[in-house]
Amino acid sequence: MFYINKIDIKKNNKIKNEKGGLTGKVVDSEGNAIEHAIVKLLNSDGKVLYKMICNQKGEFTFDGLTIGHYMIFAIKDDYMLSTRKRVTVTKGMHSLGELYLTRVGYPIE
């Protein structure tokens, strides 16, 4: 019985130590990349854990993340806030696809 519990503890610790990552791209409503947009990753309580600035292609990457649930959003001057709630990080790197920002003063589709 003790031996089984010891194995279960090792399995649980392995799961907690596994890491994952998220990639994506920030684009406008026409699919054009938005360079230098700021992407923030928040925990489930809304606390900002990480933020990064997108490259010239609008791409971003968060790696080494603890497996779990997060929120992510992108911001840029002259654009409306983009929010994607409840992003789940699992083992490995995963693409979120595109986060869309709409320029202020442009019609929302």
N, C-alpha and C. Protein backbone atom coordinates (compact mmCIF):
# COMPACT_ATOMS: atom_id res chain seq x y z
N MET A 1 0.82 -1.20 0.00
CA MET A 1 0.00 0.00 0.00
C MET A 1 0.86 1.26 0.00
N PHE A 2 1.89 1.31 0.82
CA PHE A 2 2.76 2.48 0.86
C PHE A 2 3.45 2.69 -0.48
N TYR A 3 3.88 1.61 -1.11
CA TYR A 3 4.57 1.69 -2.40
C TYR A 3 3.67 2.31 -3.45
N ILE A 4 2.40 1.96 -3.48
CA ILE A 4 1.45 2.53 -4.44
C ILE A 4 1.31 4.02 -4.22
N ASN A 5 1.19 4.45 -2.97
CA ASN A 5 1.09 5.88 -2.68
C ASN A 5 2.34 6.62 -3.14
N LYS A 6 3.50 6.01 -2.98
CA LYS A 6 4.74 6.64 -3.40
C LYS A 6 4.76 6.85 -4.91
N ILE A 7 4.28 5.87 -5.67
CA ILE A 7 4.20 6.01 -7.13
C ILE A 7 3.22 7.12 -7.50
N ASP A 8 2.08 7.18 -6.84
CA ASP A 8 1.09 8.22 -7.12
C ASP A 8 1.67 9.60 -6.87
N ILE A 9 2.44 9.77 -5.82
CA ILE A 9 3.06 11.06 -5.53
C ILE A 9 4.02 11.45 -6.64
N LYS A 10 4.81 10.51 -7.13
CA LYS A 10 5.73 10.80 -8.23
C LYS A 10 4.96 11.22 -9.48
N LYS A 11 3.88 10.56 -9.79
CA LYS A 11 3.07 10.93 -10.97
C LYS A 11 2.54 12.34 -10.82
N ASN A 12 2.00 12.70 -9.66
CA ASN A 12 1.45 14.03 -9.43
C ASN A 12 2.53 15.10 -9.54
N ASN A 13 3.72 14.85 -9.00
CA ASN A 13 4.81 15.82 -9.10
C ASN A 13 5.25 15.99 -10.55
N LYS A 14 5.28 14.92 -11.32
CA LYS A 14 5.66 15.02 -12.72
C LYS A 14 4.68 15.90 -13.48
N ILE A 15 3.39 15.72 -13.23
CA ILE A 15 2.37 16.54 -13.90
C ILE A 15 2.56 18.02 -13.54
N LYS A 16 2.82 18.33 -12.28
CA LYS A 16 2.99 19.72 -11.86
C LYS A 16 4.22 20.35 -12.49
N ASN A 17 5.26 19.56 -12.76
CA ASN A 17 6.50 20.09 -13.31
C ASN A 17 6.49 20.18 -14.83
N GLU A 18 5.50 19.59 -15.49
CA GLU A 18 5.42 19.68 -16.94
C GLU A 18 5.08 21.11 -17.35
N LYS A 19 5.62 21.53 -18.46
CA LYS A 19 5.42 22.89 -18.94
C LYS A 19 4.79 22.89 -20.32
N GLY A 20 4.19 24.00 -20.65
CA GLY A 20 3.58 24.17 -21.95
C GLY A 20 3.86 25.56 -22.48
N GLY A 21 3.34 25.86 -23.64
CA GLY A 21 3.56 27.17 -24.22
C GLY A 21 2.45 27.54 -25.18
N LEU A 22 2.38 28.82 -25.48
CA LEU A 22 1.37 29.36 -26.39
C LEU A 22 2.03 30.25 -27.42
N THR A 23 1.59 30.13 -28.65
CA THR A 23 2.03 31.03 -29.71
C THR A 23 0.79 31.61 -30.37
N GLY A 24 0.96 32.70 -31.05
CA GLY A 24 -0.16 33.30 -31.76
C GLY A 24 0.30 34.50 -32.56
N LYS A 25 -0.67 35.16 -33.13
CA LYS A 25 -0.40 36.32 -33.98
C LYS A 25 -1.49 37.35 -33.77
N VAL A 26 -1.10 38.62 -33.67
CA VAL A 26 -2.06 39.72 -33.52
C VAL A 26 -2.25 40.36 -34.88
N VAL A 27 -3.50 40.42 -35.32
CA VAL A 27 -3.82 40.96 -36.64
C VAL A 27 -5.00 41.92 -36.56
N ASP A 28 -5.16 42.73 -37.62
CA ASP A 28 -6.33 43.60 -37.69
C ASP A 28 -7.48 42.85 -38.36
N SER A 29 -8.60 43.53 -38.55
CA SER A 29 -9.79 42.87 -39.10
C SER A 29 -9.61 42.38 -40.53
N GLU A 30 -8.56 42.87 -41.22
CA GLU A 30 -8.28 42.43 -42.58
C GLU A 30 -7.18 41.36 -42.61
N GLY A 31 -6.70 40.94 -41.45
CA GLY A 31 -5.69 39.90 -41.38
C GLY A 31 -4.25 40.39 -41.47
N ASN A 32 -4.07 41.72 -41.45
CA ASN A 32 -2.72 42.28 -41.50
C ASN A 32 -2.08 42.22 -40.12
N ALA A 33 -0.83 41.83 -40.07
CA ALA A 33 -0.11 41.74 -38.80
C ALA A 33 -0.01 43.11 -38.14
N ILE A 34 -0.14 43.11 -36.82
CA ILE A 34 0.02 44.35 -36.04
C ILE A 34 1.30 44.21 -35.24
N GLU A 35 2.35 44.87 -35.73
CA GLU A 35 3.63 44.77 -35.04
C GLU A 35 3.62 45.62 -33.77
N HIS A 36 4.39 45.22 -32.81
CA HIS A 36 4.58 45.90 -31.54
C HIS A 36 3.32 45.98 -30.68
N ALA A 37 2.34 45.14 -30.95
CA ALA A 37 1.19 45.03 -30.04
C ALA A 37 1.70 44.39 -28.75
N ILE A 38 1.08 44.73 -27.63
CA ILE A 38 1.45 44.14 -26.35
C ILE A 38 0.46 43.03 -26.03
N VAL A 39 0.99 41.86 -25.73
CA VAL A 39 0.16 40.70 -25.37
C VAL A 39 0.43 40.38 -23.91
N LYS A 40 -0.65 40.28 -23.13
CA LYS A 40 -0.51 39.99 -21.70
C LYS A 40 -1.18 38.65 -21.38
N LEU A 41 -0.53 37.89 -20.51
CA LEU A 41 -1.04 36.62 -20.04
C LEU A 41 -1.35 36.76 -18.56
N LEU A 42 -2.59 36.47 -18.18
CA LEU A 42 -3.04 36.61 -16.81
C LEU A 42 -3.40 35.27 -16.21
N ASN A 43 -3.28 35.16 -14.88
CA ASN A 43 -3.73 33.94 -14.23
C ASN A 43 -5.25 33.99 -14.08
N SER A 44 -5.84 32.95 -13.51
CA SER A 44 -7.30 32.88 -13.42
C SER A 44 -7.89 33.93 -12.48
N ASP A 45 -7.03 34.57 -11.65
CA ASP A 45 -7.49 35.65 -10.77
C ASP A 45 -7.38 37.02 -11.43
N GLY A 46 -6.86 37.07 -12.65
CA GLY A 46 -6.73 38.33 -13.37
C GLY A 46 -5.42 39.05 -13.14
N LYS A 47 -4.46 38.43 -12.47
CA LYS A 47 -3.15 39.03 -12.24
C LYS A 47 -2.26 38.81 -13.46
N VAL A 48 -1.64 39.89 -13.95
CA VAL A 48 -0.74 39.78 -15.10
C VAL A 48 0.51 39.01 -14.70
N LEU A 49 0.76 37.91 -15.39
CA LEU A 49 1.94 37.08 -15.13
C LEU A 49 3.08 37.41 -16.08
N TYR A 50 2.74 37.60 -17.35
CA TYR A 50 3.74 37.86 -18.38
C TYR A 50 3.17 38.85 -19.39
N LYS A 51 4.08 39.64 -19.97
CA LYS A 51 3.68 40.47 -21.11
C LYS A 51 4.84 40.53 -22.07
N MET A 52 4.50 40.65 -23.33
CA MET A 52 5.53 40.73 -24.36
C MET A 52 5.07 41.61 -25.50
N ILE A 53 6.02 42.06 -26.29
CA ILE A 53 5.74 42.88 -27.46
C ILE A 53 5.90 41.99 -28.70
N CYS A 54 4.91 42.02 -29.56
CA CYS A 54 4.93 41.22 -30.79
C CYS A 54 6.05 41.69 -31.72
N ASN A 55 6.53 40.77 -32.54
CA ASN A 55 7.53 41.12 -33.54
C ASN A 55 6.87 41.82 -34.74
N GLN A 56 7.65 42.06 -35.81
CA GLN A 56 7.13 42.76 -36.99
C GLN A 56 6.01 41.99 -37.69
N LYS A 57 5.96 40.67 -37.48
CA LYS A 57 4.91 39.85 -38.09
C LYS A 57 3.70 39.70 -37.17
N GLY A 58 3.71 40.40 -36.03
CA GLY A 58 2.60 40.32 -35.08
C GLY A 58 2.62 39.05 -34.24
N GLU A 59 3.73 38.31 -34.28
CA GLU A 59 3.81 37.02 -33.59
C GLU A 59 4.26 37.17 -32.14
N PHE A 60 3.77 36.27 -31.31
CA PHE A 60 4.19 36.23 -29.91
C PHE A 60 4.30 34.78 -29.46
N THR A 61 5.11 34.57 -28.42
CA THR A 61 5.30 33.23 -27.85
C THR A 61 5.48 33.35 -26.34
N PHE A 62 4.75 32.54 -25.62
CA PHE A 62 4.96 32.37 -24.18
C PHE A 62 5.34 30.91 -23.98
N ASP A 63 6.52 30.65 -23.43
CA ASP A 63 6.89 29.26 -23.19
C ASP A 63 7.29 29.07 -21.74
N GLY A 64 7.43 27.81 -21.34
CA GLY A 64 7.76 27.51 -19.96
C GLY A 64 6.62 27.76 -19.00
N LEU A 65 5.38 27.69 -19.49
CA LEU A 65 4.21 27.97 -18.66
C LEU A 65 3.76 26.73 -17.89
N THR A 66 3.34 26.96 -16.68
CA THR A 66 2.76 25.88 -15.89
C THR A 66 1.43 25.49 -16.50
N ILE A 67 1.17 24.21 -16.57
CA ILE A 67 -0.08 23.71 -17.13
C ILE A 67 -1.25 24.24 -16.30
N GLY A 68 -2.26 24.76 -16.98
CA GLY A 68 -3.42 25.31 -16.28
C GLY A 68 -4.21 26.25 -17.15
N HIS A 69 -5.04 27.07 -16.51
CA HIS A 69 -5.93 27.99 -17.22
C HIS A 69 -5.44 29.42 -17.05
N TYR A 70 -5.51 30.18 -18.14
CA TYR A 70 -5.05 31.56 -18.17
C TYR A 70 -6.04 32.39 -18.97
N MET A 71 -5.84 33.71 -18.94
CA MET A 71 -6.53 34.63 -19.86
C MET A 71 -5.43 35.34 -20.64
N ILE A 72 -5.74 35.70 -21.87
CA ILE A 72 -4.77 36.40 -22.70
C ILE A 72 -5.48 37.53 -23.42
N PHE A 73 -4.77 38.66 -23.58
CA PHE A 73 -5.34 39.73 -24.39
C PHE A 73 -4.23 40.54 -25.03
N ALA A 74 -4.59 41.23 -26.11
CA ALA A 74 -3.65 42.07 -26.84
C ALA A 74 -4.15 43.51 -26.83
N ILE A 75 -3.20 44.44 -26.77
CA ILE A 75 -3.54 45.86 -26.82
C ILE A 75 -2.53 46.58 -27.71
N LYS A 76 -2.97 47.68 -28.25
CA LYS A 76 -2.11 48.55 -29.07
C LYS A 76 -2.81 49.89 -29.16
N ASP A 77 -2.05 50.98 -29.10
CA ASP A 77 -2.63 52.32 -29.24
C ASP A 77 -3.46 52.39 -30.51
N ASP A 78 -4.59 53.06 -30.41
CA ASP A 78 -5.52 53.27 -31.52
C ASP A 78 -6.30 52.01 -31.93
N TYR A 79 -6.27 50.96 -31.09
CA TYR A 79 -7.03 49.74 -31.35
C TYR A 79 -7.86 49.40 -30.11
N MET A 80 -8.98 48.74 -30.35
CA MET A 80 -9.82 48.26 -29.25
C MET A 80 -9.20 47.01 -28.65
N LEU A 81 -9.39 46.81 -27.36
CA LEU A 81 -8.85 45.67 -26.63
C LEU A 81 -9.38 44.35 -27.19
N SER A 82 -8.49 43.37 -27.32
CA SER A 82 -8.87 42.02 -27.74
C SER A 82 -8.72 41.10 -26.55
N THR A 83 -9.75 40.31 -26.24
CA THR A 83 -9.66 39.40 -25.10
C THR A 83 -10.06 38.00 -25.51
N ARG A 84 -9.30 37.04 -25.06
CA ARG A 84 -9.65 35.64 -25.22
C ARG A 84 -9.60 35.04 -23.82
N LYS A 85 -10.74 34.69 -23.30
CA LYS A 85 -10.78 34.19 -21.93
C LYS A 85 -10.57 32.69 -21.88
N ARG A 86 -10.10 32.25 -20.75
CA ARG A 86 -9.91 30.84 -20.42
C ARG A 86 -9.12 30.08 -21.49
N VAL A 87 -7.87 30.43 -21.58
CA VAL A 87 -6.94 29.71 -22.43
C VAL A 87 -6.35 28.58 -21.60
N THR A 88 -6.36 27.38 -22.11
CA THR A 88 -5.83 26.24 -21.39
C THR A 88 -4.46 25.86 -21.92
N VAL A 89 -3.49 25.83 -21.04
CA VAL A 89 -2.14 25.42 -21.40
C VAL A 89 -1.97 23.95 -21.02
N THR A 90 -1.58 23.15 -21.98
CA THR A 90 -1.26 21.74 -21.74
C THR A 90 0.20 21.53 -22.13
N LYS A 91 0.69 20.33 -21.93
CA LYS A 91 2.09 20.02 -22.22
C LYS A 91 2.39 20.28 -23.70
N GLY A 92 3.52 20.93 -23.96
CA GLY A 92 3.93 21.22 -25.33
C GLY A 92 3.55 22.63 -25.75
N MET A 93 3.89 22.96 -26.97
CA MET A 93 3.61 24.28 -27.52
C MET A 93 2.32 24.22 -28.34
N HIS A 94 1.42 25.20 -28.14
CA HIS A 94 0.14 25.21 -28.82
C HIS A 94 -0.14 26.59 -29.43
N SER A 95 -0.71 26.59 -30.62
CA SER A 95 -1.04 27.83 -31.30
C SER A 95 -2.45 28.28 -30.94
N LEU A 96 -2.56 29.55 -30.60
CA LEU A 96 -3.88 30.15 -30.35
C LEU A 96 -4.50 30.67 -31.64
N GLY A 97 -3.72 30.70 -32.68
CA GLY A 97 -4.20 31.28 -33.93
C GLY A 97 -4.06 32.79 -33.86
N GLU A 98 -5.08 33.50 -34.30
CA GLU A 98 -4.99 34.95 -34.38
C GLU A 98 -5.83 35.64 -33.32
N LEU A 99 -5.27 36.70 -32.75
CA LEU A 99 -6.01 37.61 -31.88
C LEU A 99 -6.29 38.85 -32.72
N TYR A 100 -7.55 39.22 -32.81
CA TYR A 100 -7.94 40.33 -33.67
C TYR A 100 -8.09 41.62 -32.89
N LEU A 101 -7.51 42.69 -33.45
CA LEU A 101 -7.69 44.04 -32.92
C LEU A 101 -8.39 44.87 -33.99
N THR A 102 -9.31 45.71 -33.58
CA THR A 102 -10.02 46.59 -34.50
C THR A 102 -9.58 48.02 -34.22
N ARG A 103 -9.17 48.70 -35.27
CA ARG A 103 -8.72 50.08 -35.13
C ARG A 103 -9.90 50.94 -34.66
N VAL A 104 -9.62 51.84 -33.71
CA VAL A 104 -10.67 52.73 -33.21
C VAL A 104 -11.12 53.63 -34.35
N GLY A 105 -12.45 53.77 -34.50
CA GLY A 105 -13.00 54.57 -35.57
C GLY A 105 -13.36 53.77 -36.81
N TYR A 106 -13.00 52.49 -36.83
CA TYR A 106 -13.35 51.62 -37.95
C TYR A 106 -14.58 50.81 -37.56
N PRO A 107 -15.41 50.46 -38.53
CA PRO A 107 -16.60 49.65 -38.19
C PRO A 107 -16.21 48.27 -37.67
N ILE A 108 -16.94 47.80 -36.67
CA ILE A 108 -16.74 46.47 -36.13
C ILE A 108 -17.56 45.49 -36.95
N GLU A 109 -16.91 44.42 -37.41
CA GLU A 109 -17.61 43.42 -38.22
C GLU A 109 -18.13 42.31 -37.36
